[in-house]
Amino acid sequence: MRTVTRRGVYCRTCGLARYRQMTSDTLITGWWGLFSLFVTPFVVLANVLGARAALLRLPEPYGAVRQPLDPGRRVLRRGPAMLILTPIALLALAIPTLVVVGLLSGGGEPVALSVGDCVRNEAEWPEQRLEKVGCGSPLAEYRVVDKASCGPGDYLLHAEYVIDSPKPGSCVTPV
């Protein structure tokens, strides 16, 4: 970790050019140390708040022997800033996206089933997305039976389906 200060007599344009270059350099090289990893964000913030205010107090270029430095693009539009800001932006967008996807994907209340109820599976076995239907309905595919009545061609119910039965465990058998 090192601290670099550039002292000199600068006009506003040259000071801005030096500020932008040094901030970009800090964004690239400021992270390569254990202590620096935690200090660099504060250094950049201090430069934004402190050095920017000092830049505004510098005079405009006038009567110079040589051409003023080109300030170039703003710091946030340079490659080093994009390198740092892109993962931060992706992370900031990922969290709300995951929340929205979780809310839209359902996972509502589990279906309360009882022994004797008829259901249909809206997924392929062994996945279970059971919907309770009337036993007289043409949509009825399976009937819920207790575990003692389960046969070799029956499917055990996942734990997410609440069974109103004094005996634990149930399965579904084709209707």
N, C-alpha and C. Protein backbone atom coordinates (compact mmCIF):
# COMPACT_ATOMS: atom_id res chain seq x y z
N MET A 1 0.85 -1.16 0.00
CA MET A 1 0.00 0.00 0.00
C MET A 1 0.90 1.23 0.00
N ARG A 2 0.52 2.21 -0.80
CA ARG A 2 1.28 3.46 -0.82
C ARG A 2 0.32 4.59 -1.12
N THR A 3 0.72 5.77 -0.71
CA THR A 3 -0.05 6.97 -0.96
C THR A 3 0.77 7.87 -1.87
N VAL A 4 0.16 8.35 -2.94
CA VAL A 4 0.85 9.21 -3.90
C VAL A 4 0.15 10.57 -3.92
N THR A 5 0.94 11.61 -3.82
CA THR A 5 0.43 12.97 -3.92
C THR A 5 1.21 13.69 -5.01
N ARG A 6 0.54 14.34 -5.91
CA ARG A 6 1.18 15.10 -6.98
C ARG A 6 1.04 16.59 -6.63
N ARG A 7 2.16 17.19 -6.31
CA ARG A 7 2.14 18.61 -5.97
C ARG A 7 2.61 19.41 -7.18
N GLY A 8 2.10 20.59 -7.30
CA GLY A 8 2.51 21.46 -8.39
C GLY A 8 1.57 22.62 -8.54
N VAL A 9 1.85 23.47 -9.47
CA VAL A 9 0.99 24.60 -9.79
C VAL A 9 0.15 24.17 -10.99
N TYR A 10 -1.13 24.04 -10.76
CA TYR A 10 -2.03 23.54 -11.79
C TYR A 10 -3.11 24.56 -12.10
N CYS A 11 -3.51 24.60 -13.34
CA CYS A 11 -4.74 25.30 -13.69
C CYS A 11 -5.89 24.32 -13.48
N ARG A 12 -7.12 24.78 -13.63
CA ARG A 12 -8.27 23.90 -13.39
C ARG A 12 -8.28 22.72 -14.36
N THR A 13 -7.95 22.93 -15.61
CA THR A 13 -7.96 21.86 -16.61
C THR A 13 -6.88 20.82 -16.31
N CYS A 14 -5.67 21.27 -15.99
CA CYS A 14 -4.58 20.32 -15.69
C CYS A 14 -4.85 19.59 -14.37
N GLY A 15 -5.38 20.30 -13.38
CA GLY A 15 -5.72 19.66 -12.10
C GLY A 15 -6.79 18.59 -12.28
N LEU A 16 -7.79 18.90 -13.12
CA LEU A 16 -8.85 17.92 -13.40
C LEU A 16 -8.29 16.70 -14.12
N ALA A 17 -7.38 16.94 -15.08
CA ALA A 17 -6.77 15.82 -15.80
C ALA A 17 -5.97 14.94 -14.84
N ARG A 18 -5.18 15.55 -13.95
CA ARG A 18 -4.38 14.79 -12.99
C ARG A 18 -5.28 14.04 -12.01
N TYR A 19 -6.34 14.70 -11.54
CA TYR A 19 -7.30 14.07 -10.61
C TYR A 19 -7.94 12.84 -11.25
N ARG A 20 -8.41 12.97 -12.47
CA ARG A 20 -9.07 11.85 -13.15
C ARG A 20 -8.11 10.69 -13.38
N GLN A 21 -6.87 11.00 -13.76
CA GLN A 21 -5.89 9.93 -14.01
C GLN A 21 -5.54 9.21 -12.70
N MET A 22 -5.32 9.97 -11.63
CA MET A 22 -4.94 9.35 -10.35
C MET A 22 -6.10 8.54 -9.76
N THR A 23 -7.32 9.03 -9.91
CA THR A 23 -8.48 8.28 -9.41
C THR A 23 -8.64 6.98 -10.19
N SER A 24 -8.45 7.03 -11.50
CA SER A 24 -8.53 5.80 -12.31
C SER A 24 -7.43 4.82 -11.91
N ASP A 25 -6.23 5.33 -11.66
CA ASP A 25 -5.13 4.47 -11.21
C ASP A 25 -5.45 3.83 -9.87
N THR A 26 -6.06 4.60 -8.97
CA THR A 26 -6.44 4.07 -7.66
C THR A 26 -7.48 2.96 -7.80
N LEU A 27 -8.42 3.15 -8.72
CA LEU A 27 -9.45 2.12 -8.91
C LEU A 27 -8.86 0.82 -9.45
N ILE A 28 -7.77 0.90 -10.19
CA ILE A 28 -7.14 -0.31 -10.72
C ILE A 28 -6.17 -0.92 -9.71
N THR A 29 -5.28 -0.11 -9.15
CA THR A 29 -4.19 -0.65 -8.33
C THR A 29 -4.43 -0.56 -6.84
N GLY A 30 -5.49 0.09 -6.41
CA GLY A 30 -5.70 0.32 -4.99
C GLY A 30 -6.18 -0.88 -4.20
N TRP A 31 -6.54 -1.96 -4.85
CA TRP A 31 -7.16 -3.10 -4.18
C TRP A 31 -6.19 -4.23 -3.87
N TRP A 32 -4.95 -4.14 -4.28
CA TRP A 32 -4.06 -5.29 -4.25
C TRP A 32 -3.31 -5.43 -2.93
N GLY A 33 -4.01 -5.46 -1.85
CA GLY A 33 -3.43 -5.72 -0.54
C GLY A 33 -4.56 -5.93 0.44
N LEU A 34 -4.29 -6.67 1.51
CA LEU A 34 -5.35 -6.97 2.47
C LEU A 34 -5.88 -5.69 3.11
N PHE A 35 -4.99 -4.85 3.58
CA PHE A 35 -5.41 -3.60 4.20
C PHE A 35 -5.97 -2.64 3.15
N SER A 36 -5.35 -2.64 1.99
CA SER A 36 -5.77 -1.74 0.91
C SER A 36 -7.18 -2.05 0.43
N LEU A 37 -7.56 -3.30 0.48
CA LEU A 37 -8.90 -3.70 0.06
C LEU A 37 -9.97 -2.94 0.83
N PHE A 38 -9.71 -2.69 2.11
CA PHE A 38 -10.69 -2.00 2.94
C PHE A 38 -10.50 -0.49 2.94
N VAL A 39 -9.29 -0.02 2.68
CA VAL A 39 -8.98 1.41 2.72
C VAL A 39 -9.34 2.12 1.41
N THR A 40 -9.19 1.45 0.28
CA THR A 40 -9.38 2.07 -1.02
C THR A 40 -10.74 2.75 -1.20
N PRO A 41 -11.85 2.15 -0.81
CA PRO A 41 -13.13 2.87 -0.97
C PRO A 41 -13.15 4.21 -0.23
N PHE A 42 -12.52 4.26 0.95
CA PHE A 42 -12.50 5.50 1.70
C PHE A 42 -11.57 6.53 1.06
N VAL A 43 -10.47 6.06 0.48
CA VAL A 43 -9.55 6.96 -0.22
C VAL A 43 -10.24 7.58 -1.42
N VAL A 44 -10.93 6.77 -2.20
CA VAL A 44 -11.64 7.28 -3.37
C VAL A 44 -12.73 8.27 -2.93
N LEU A 45 -13.46 7.94 -1.88
CA LEU A 45 -14.50 8.85 -1.38
C LEU A 45 -13.89 10.16 -0.89
N ALA A 46 -12.76 10.08 -0.18
CA ALA A 46 -12.09 11.30 0.28
C ALA A 46 -11.61 12.13 -0.90
N ASN A 47 -11.12 11.50 -1.94
CA ASN A 47 -10.69 12.24 -3.13
C ASN A 47 -11.88 12.90 -3.82
N VAL A 48 -13.00 12.20 -3.87
CA VAL A 48 -14.18 12.78 -4.51
C VAL A 48 -14.64 14.00 -3.74
N LEU A 49 -14.67 13.90 -2.41
CA LEU A 49 -15.16 15.01 -1.61
C LEU A 49 -14.13 16.13 -1.44
N GLY A 50 -12.88 15.77 -1.20
CA GLY A 50 -11.85 16.77 -0.92
C GLY A 50 -11.19 17.34 -2.15
N ALA A 51 -10.67 16.49 -3.01
CA ALA A 51 -9.92 16.96 -4.17
C ALA A 51 -10.84 17.68 -5.16
N ARG A 52 -12.06 17.22 -5.30
CA ARG A 52 -12.98 17.89 -6.22
C ARG A 52 -13.25 19.32 -5.78
N ALA A 53 -13.39 19.53 -4.47
CA ALA A 53 -13.61 20.89 -3.97
C ALA A 53 -12.39 21.76 -4.24
N ALA A 54 -11.19 21.21 -4.08
CA ALA A 54 -9.97 21.96 -4.37
C ALA A 54 -9.85 22.28 -5.85
N LEU A 55 -10.32 21.40 -6.70
CA LEU A 55 -10.26 21.64 -8.15
C LEU A 55 -11.10 22.85 -8.55
N LEU A 56 -12.22 23.02 -7.89
CA LEU A 56 -13.09 24.14 -8.23
C LEU A 56 -12.47 25.48 -7.87
N ARG A 57 -11.52 25.48 -6.95
CA ARG A 57 -10.85 26.72 -6.55
C ARG A 57 -9.68 27.09 -7.46
N LEU A 58 -9.27 26.17 -8.32
CA LEU A 58 -8.15 26.44 -9.22
C LEU A 58 -8.59 27.42 -10.32
N PRO A 59 -7.64 28.27 -10.79
CA PRO A 59 -8.01 29.22 -11.85
C PRO A 59 -8.10 28.53 -13.21
N GLU A 60 -8.84 29.15 -14.09
CA GLU A 60 -8.92 28.67 -15.47
C GLU A 60 -7.55 28.87 -16.13
N PRO A 61 -7.22 28.06 -17.16
CA PRO A 61 -5.91 28.22 -17.81
C PRO A 61 -5.84 29.57 -18.56
N TYR A 62 -4.69 30.23 -18.42
CA TYR A 62 -4.48 31.49 -19.14
C TYR A 62 -2.99 31.72 -19.30
N GLY A 63 -2.59 32.28 -20.40
CA GLY A 63 -1.22 32.68 -20.65
C GLY A 63 -0.17 31.61 -20.41
N ALA A 64 -0.48 30.36 -20.61
CA ALA A 64 0.47 29.29 -20.35
C ALA A 64 1.46 29.15 -21.51
N VAL A 65 2.65 28.69 -21.19
CA VAL A 65 3.67 28.45 -22.20
C VAL A 65 3.33 27.19 -22.99
N ARG A 66 2.78 26.22 -22.32
CA ARG A 66 2.42 24.97 -23.00
C ARG A 66 0.92 24.73 -22.93
N GLN A 67 0.47 23.82 -23.74
CA GLN A 67 -0.95 23.47 -23.84
C GLN A 67 -1.40 22.80 -22.54
N PRO A 68 -2.62 23.10 -22.02
CA PRO A 68 -3.12 22.40 -20.82
C PRO A 68 -3.32 20.92 -21.11
N LEU A 69 -3.25 20.11 -20.06
CA LEU A 69 -3.48 18.67 -20.19
C LEU A 69 -4.93 18.41 -20.59
N ASP A 70 -5.14 17.34 -21.33
CA ASP A 70 -6.50 16.95 -21.71
C ASP A 70 -7.13 16.19 -20.55
N PRO A 71 -8.23 16.70 -19.98
CA PRO A 71 -8.84 15.99 -18.85
C PRO A 71 -9.43 14.64 -19.22
N GLY A 72 -9.74 14.42 -20.47
CA GLY A 72 -10.28 13.13 -20.90
C GLY A 72 -11.69 12.90 -20.39
N ARG A 73 -12.10 11.66 -20.45
CA ARG A 73 -13.45 11.30 -20.02
C ARG A 73 -13.58 11.38 -18.50
N ARG A 74 -14.81 11.51 -18.05
CA ARG A 74 -15.08 11.51 -16.62
C ARG A 74 -14.64 10.18 -16.03
N VAL A 75 -14.36 10.17 -14.73
CA VAL A 75 -13.85 8.96 -14.07
C VAL A 75 -14.84 7.80 -14.21
N LEU A 76 -16.12 8.06 -14.07
CA LEU A 76 -17.11 6.98 -14.15
C LEU A 76 -17.29 6.43 -15.56
N ARG A 77 -16.74 7.11 -16.55
CA ARG A 77 -16.84 6.62 -17.93
C ARG A 77 -15.54 6.01 -18.42
N ARG A 78 -14.61 5.80 -17.53
CA ARG A 78 -13.33 5.19 -17.89
C ARG A 78 -13.38 3.69 -17.57
N GLY A 79 -12.49 2.96 -18.19
CA GLY A 79 -12.44 1.50 -18.02
C GLY A 79 -12.28 1.04 -16.57
N PRO A 80 -11.36 1.63 -15.79
CA PRO A 80 -11.20 1.16 -14.41
C PRO A 80 -12.47 1.30 -13.58
N ALA A 81 -13.21 2.38 -13.78
CA ALA A 81 -14.45 2.56 -13.02
C ALA A 81 -15.48 1.51 -13.44
N MET A 82 -15.54 1.23 -14.73
CA MET A 82 -16.47 0.21 -15.22
C MET A 82 -16.10 -1.17 -14.67
N LEU A 83 -14.81 -1.41 -14.55
CA LEU A 83 -14.34 -2.68 -14.02
C LEU A 83 -14.81 -2.88 -12.58
N ILE A 84 -14.85 -1.82 -11.82
CA ILE A 84 -15.28 -1.88 -10.43
C ILE A 84 -16.80 -1.80 -10.30
N LEU A 85 -17.42 -0.91 -11.08
CA LEU A 85 -18.85 -0.66 -10.93
C LEU A 85 -19.73 -1.75 -11.53
N THR A 86 -19.26 -2.46 -12.54
CA THR A 86 -20.08 -3.49 -13.17
C THR A 86 -20.45 -4.61 -12.21
N PRO A 87 -19.51 -5.22 -11.47
CA PRO A 87 -19.93 -6.25 -10.51
C PRO A 87 -20.83 -5.72 -9.41
N ILE A 88 -20.58 -4.49 -8.98
CA ILE A 88 -21.43 -3.90 -7.94
C ILE A 88 -22.85 -3.70 -8.47
N ALA A 89 -22.96 -3.20 -9.70
CA ALA A 89 -24.29 -3.01 -10.30
C ALA A 89 -25.00 -4.34 -10.52
N LEU A 90 -24.26 -5.35 -10.96
CA LEU A 90 -24.87 -6.67 -11.17
C LEU A 90 -25.37 -7.25 -9.85
N LEU A 91 -24.60 -7.08 -8.81
CA LEU A 91 -25.03 -7.57 -7.49
C LEU A 91 -26.25 -6.80 -7.00
N ALA A 92 -26.24 -5.48 -7.22
CA ALA A 92 -27.38 -4.67 -6.80
C ALA A 92 -28.65 -5.04 -7.58
N LEU A 93 -28.51 -5.45 -8.82
CA LEU A 93 -29.67 -5.86 -9.61
C LEU A 93 -30.07 -7.30 -9.33
N ALA A 94 -29.11 -8.15 -8.95
CA ALA A 94 -29.39 -9.57 -8.74
C ALA A 94 -30.29 -9.79 -7.53
N ILE A 95 -30.09 -9.05 -6.49
CA ILE A 95 -30.87 -9.26 -5.26
C ILE A 95 -32.35 -8.98 -5.49
N PRO A 96 -32.74 -7.81 -6.04
CA PRO A 96 -34.17 -7.62 -6.30
C PRO A 96 -34.73 -8.59 -7.34
N THR A 97 -33.91 -8.96 -8.32
CA THR A 97 -34.36 -9.92 -9.32
C THR A 97 -34.68 -11.26 -8.68
N LEU A 98 -33.83 -11.72 -7.80
CA LEU A 98 -34.08 -12.99 -7.11
C LEU A 98 -35.33 -12.91 -6.24
N VAL A 99 -35.55 -11.77 -5.61
CA VAL A 99 -36.76 -11.61 -4.79
C VAL A 99 -38.00 -11.67 -5.67
N VAL A 100 -37.98 -10.97 -6.81
CA VAL A 100 -39.13 -10.98 -7.71
C VAL A 100 -39.37 -12.38 -8.26
N VAL A 101 -38.31 -13.06 -8.67
CA VAL A 101 -38.47 -14.42 -9.20
C VAL A 101 -39.04 -15.34 -8.13
N GLY A 102 -38.57 -15.20 -6.91
CA GLY A 102 -39.09 -16.01 -5.82
C GLY A 102 -40.56 -15.76 -5.56
N LEU A 103 -40.98 -14.50 -5.67
CA LEU A 103 -42.38 -14.18 -5.45
C LEU A 103 -43.26 -14.67 -6.59
N LEU A 104 -42.74 -14.58 -7.82
CA LEU A 104 -43.53 -14.99 -8.98
C LEU A 104 -43.57 -16.50 -9.18
N SER A 105 -42.59 -17.22 -8.63
CA SER A 105 -42.54 -18.65 -8.87
C SER A 105 -43.55 -19.43 -8.05
N GLY A 106 -44.26 -18.77 -7.22
CA GLY A 106 -45.31 -19.46 -6.47
C GLY A 106 -44.79 -19.99 -5.16
N GLY A 107 -44.98 -21.27 -4.97
CA GLY A 107 -44.61 -21.86 -3.69
C GLY A 107 -45.63 -21.47 -2.64
N GLY A 108 -46.89 -21.36 -3.05
CA GLY A 108 -47.95 -20.92 -2.15
C GLY A 108 -48.20 -21.93 -1.05
N GLU A 109 -49.39 -21.86 -0.53
CA GLU A 109 -49.77 -22.73 0.57
C GLU A 109 -49.83 -24.19 0.10
N PRO A 110 -49.36 -25.13 0.95
CA PRO A 110 -49.46 -26.54 0.56
C PRO A 110 -50.92 -26.99 0.54
N VAL A 111 -51.20 -27.94 -0.32
CA VAL A 111 -52.55 -28.47 -0.44
C VAL A 111 -52.82 -29.40 0.74
N ALA A 112 -53.91 -29.15 1.45
CA ALA A 112 -54.30 -30.02 2.57
C ALA A 112 -55.08 -31.21 2.01
N LEU A 113 -54.54 -32.41 2.21
CA LEU A 113 -55.17 -33.62 1.69
C LEU A 113 -55.60 -34.52 2.84
N SER A 114 -56.59 -35.31 2.58
CA SER A 114 -57.06 -36.31 3.54
C SER A 114 -57.11 -37.65 2.83
N VAL A 115 -57.06 -38.72 3.59
CA VAL A 115 -57.20 -40.04 3.01
C VAL A 115 -58.56 -40.11 2.32
N GLY A 116 -58.59 -40.55 1.07
CA GLY A 116 -59.81 -40.63 0.29
C GLY A 116 -59.97 -39.50 -0.71
N ASP A 117 -59.19 -38.42 -0.58
CA ASP A 117 -59.26 -37.32 -1.54
C ASP A 117 -58.68 -37.75 -2.89
N CYS A 118 -59.16 -37.13 -3.95
CA CYS A 118 -58.64 -37.39 -5.28
C CYS A 118 -57.81 -36.20 -5.73
N VAL A 119 -56.74 -36.50 -6.45
CA VAL A 119 -55.81 -35.45 -6.89
C VAL A 119 -55.38 -35.73 -8.32
N ARG A 120 -54.79 -34.70 -8.93
CA ARG A 120 -54.12 -34.88 -10.20
C ARG A 120 -52.75 -34.24 -10.06
N ASN A 121 -51.77 -34.83 -10.74
CA ASN A 121 -50.40 -34.33 -10.69
C ASN A 121 -50.16 -33.48 -11.92
N GLU A 122 -49.77 -32.21 -11.72
CA GLU A 122 -49.50 -31.31 -12.83
C GLU A 122 -48.03 -31.32 -13.22
N ALA A 123 -47.26 -32.28 -12.73
CA ALA A 123 -45.84 -32.42 -13.06
C ALA A 123 -45.59 -33.87 -13.43
N GLU A 124 -44.39 -34.14 -13.89
CA GLU A 124 -44.00 -35.51 -14.20
C GLU A 124 -43.44 -36.17 -12.93
N TRP A 125 -43.82 -37.41 -12.70
CA TRP A 125 -43.28 -38.13 -11.54
C TRP A 125 -41.79 -38.31 -11.73
N PRO A 126 -41.00 -38.21 -10.71
CA PRO A 126 -41.28 -38.20 -9.28
C PRO A 126 -41.59 -36.81 -8.72
N GLU A 127 -41.60 -35.75 -9.57
CA GLU A 127 -42.00 -34.43 -9.08
C GLU A 127 -43.47 -34.46 -8.74
N GLN A 128 -43.83 -33.69 -7.73
CA GLN A 128 -45.24 -33.65 -7.32
C GLN A 128 -45.71 -32.21 -7.25
N ARG A 129 -46.70 -31.91 -8.06
CA ARG A 129 -47.41 -30.64 -8.00
C ARG A 129 -48.89 -31.01 -8.04
N LEU A 130 -49.36 -31.43 -6.89
CA LEU A 130 -50.69 -32.01 -6.80
C LEU A 130 -51.77 -30.95 -6.65
N GLU A 131 -52.89 -31.20 -7.31
CA GLU A 131 -54.06 -30.33 -7.23
C GLU A 131 -55.24 -31.20 -6.80
N LYS A 132 -55.95 -30.75 -5.78
CA LYS A 132 -57.09 -31.49 -5.27
C LYS A 132 -58.27 -31.31 -6.22
N VAL A 133 -58.88 -32.43 -6.65
CA VAL A 133 -60.04 -32.39 -7.55
C VAL A 133 -61.11 -33.33 -6.98
N GLY A 134 -62.30 -33.18 -7.46
CA GLY A 134 -63.38 -34.07 -7.03
C GLY A 134 -63.18 -35.48 -7.57
N CYS A 135 -63.56 -36.49 -6.79
CA CYS A 135 -63.35 -37.87 -7.22
C CYS A 135 -64.21 -38.25 -8.42
N GLY A 136 -65.30 -37.54 -8.66
CA GLY A 136 -66.14 -37.80 -9.82
C GLY A 136 -65.67 -37.07 -11.06
N SER A 137 -64.66 -36.24 -10.94
CA SER A 137 -64.17 -35.43 -12.05
C SER A 137 -63.32 -36.28 -13.00
N PRO A 138 -63.38 -36.01 -14.30
CA PRO A 138 -62.52 -36.74 -15.24
C PRO A 138 -61.04 -36.37 -15.07
N LEU A 139 -60.75 -35.30 -14.32
CA LEU A 139 -59.37 -34.90 -14.08
C LEU A 139 -58.71 -35.71 -12.96
N ALA A 140 -59.48 -36.42 -12.17
CA ALA A 140 -58.93 -37.19 -11.05
C ALA A 140 -58.04 -38.31 -11.58
N GLU A 141 -56.77 -38.32 -11.14
CA GLU A 141 -55.83 -39.34 -11.56
C GLU A 141 -55.47 -40.31 -10.43
N TYR A 142 -55.43 -39.79 -9.20
CA TYR A 142 -54.98 -40.59 -8.06
C TYR A 142 -55.89 -40.35 -6.87
N ARG A 143 -55.91 -41.36 -5.98
CA ARG A 143 -56.64 -41.25 -4.71
C ARG A 143 -55.63 -41.39 -3.58
N VAL A 144 -55.79 -40.56 -2.54
CA VAL A 144 -54.90 -40.59 -1.39
C VAL A 144 -55.30 -41.76 -0.49
N VAL A 145 -54.32 -42.60 -0.16
CA VAL A 145 -54.56 -43.72 0.76
C VAL A 145 -53.51 -43.67 1.86
N ASP A 146 -53.81 -44.34 2.99
CA ASP A 146 -52.82 -44.33 4.07
C ASP A 146 -51.67 -45.26 3.73
N LYS A 147 -50.61 -45.15 4.47
CA LYS A 147 -49.37 -45.86 4.16
C LYS A 147 -49.56 -47.39 4.18
N ALA A 148 -50.43 -47.87 5.03
CA ALA A 148 -50.66 -49.32 5.12
C ALA A 148 -51.28 -49.87 3.83
N SER A 149 -52.01 -49.02 3.07
CA SER A 149 -52.66 -49.47 1.85
C SER A 149 -51.83 -49.24 0.59
N CYS A 150 -50.60 -48.71 0.74
CA CYS A 150 -49.76 -48.41 -0.41
C CYS A 150 -49.28 -49.71 -1.08
N GLY A 151 -49.34 -49.72 -2.42
CA GLY A 151 -48.88 -50.88 -3.18
C GLY A 151 -47.60 -50.55 -3.94
N PRO A 152 -47.10 -51.53 -4.73
CA PRO A 152 -45.84 -51.30 -5.45
C PRO A 152 -45.95 -50.24 -6.55
N GLY A 153 -47.09 -49.98 -7.13
CA GLY A 153 -47.23 -48.98 -8.20
C GLY A 153 -47.66 -47.62 -7.70
N ASP A 154 -47.72 -47.44 -6.38
CA ASP A 154 -48.18 -46.18 -5.81
C ASP A 154 -47.00 -45.24 -5.56
N TYR A 155 -47.31 -43.97 -5.37
CA TYR A 155 -46.29 -42.94 -5.13
C TYR A 155 -46.46 -42.38 -3.73
N LEU A 156 -45.36 -42.32 -2.98
CA LEU A 156 -45.39 -41.70 -1.65
C LEU A 156 -45.53 -40.19 -1.81
N LEU A 157 -46.32 -39.58 -0.93
CA LEU A 157 -46.51 -38.13 -0.98
C LEU A 157 -45.32 -37.42 -0.35
N HIS A 158 -44.96 -36.29 -0.92
CA HIS A 158 -43.93 -35.45 -0.32
C HIS A 158 -44.45 -34.86 0.98
N ALA A 159 -43.53 -34.46 1.83
CA ALA A 159 -43.89 -33.95 3.15
C ALA A 159 -44.63 -32.61 3.09
N GLU A 160 -44.56 -31.91 1.97
CA GLU A 160 -45.21 -30.60 1.87
C GLU A 160 -46.74 -30.70 1.84
N TYR A 161 -47.26 -31.88 1.54
CA TYR A 161 -48.71 -32.05 1.49
C TYR A 161 -49.20 -32.47 2.87
N VAL A 162 -50.05 -31.63 3.44
CA VAL A 162 -50.55 -31.85 4.80
C VAL A 162 -51.64 -32.92 4.75
N ILE A 163 -51.45 -33.94 5.54
CA ILE A 163 -52.42 -35.04 5.57
C ILE A 163 -53.19 -34.99 6.88
N ASP A 164 -54.52 -34.87 6.78
CA ASP A 164 -55.37 -34.87 7.97
C ASP A 164 -55.70 -36.32 8.31
N SER A 165 -54.77 -36.96 8.97
CA SER A 165 -54.96 -38.36 9.30
C SER A 165 -54.23 -38.63 10.62
N PRO A 166 -54.79 -39.49 11.48
CA PRO A 166 -54.09 -39.82 12.71
C PRO A 166 -52.83 -40.64 12.46
N LYS A 167 -52.77 -41.35 11.31
CA LYS A 167 -51.60 -42.17 10.99
C LYS A 167 -50.64 -41.36 10.11
N PRO A 168 -49.36 -41.32 10.45
CA PRO A 168 -48.43 -40.55 9.62
C PRO A 168 -48.13 -41.30 8.32
N GLY A 169 -47.87 -40.52 7.25
CA GLY A 169 -47.47 -41.10 5.97
C GLY A 169 -48.66 -41.49 5.13
N SER A 170 -48.59 -41.16 3.84
CA SER A 170 -49.64 -41.50 2.90
C SER A 170 -49.03 -41.64 1.52
N CYS A 171 -49.82 -42.17 0.60
CA CYS A 171 -49.40 -42.28 -0.77
C CYS A 171 -50.61 -42.08 -1.65
N VAL A 172 -50.37 -42.03 -2.96
CA VAL A 172 -51.47 -41.93 -3.92
C VAL A 172 -51.45 -43.16 -4.81
N THR A 173 -52.62 -43.62 -5.11
CA THR A 173 -52.77 -44.79 -5.95
C THR A 173 -53.62 -44.40 -7.17
N PRO A 174 -53.33 -44.91 -8.34
CA PRO A 174 -54.13 -44.53 -9.52
C PRO A 174 -55.61 -44.85 -9.32
N VAL A 175 -56.48 -43.98 -9.85
CA VAL A 175 -57.93 -44.16 -9.73
C VAL A 175 -58.39 -45.20 -10.72
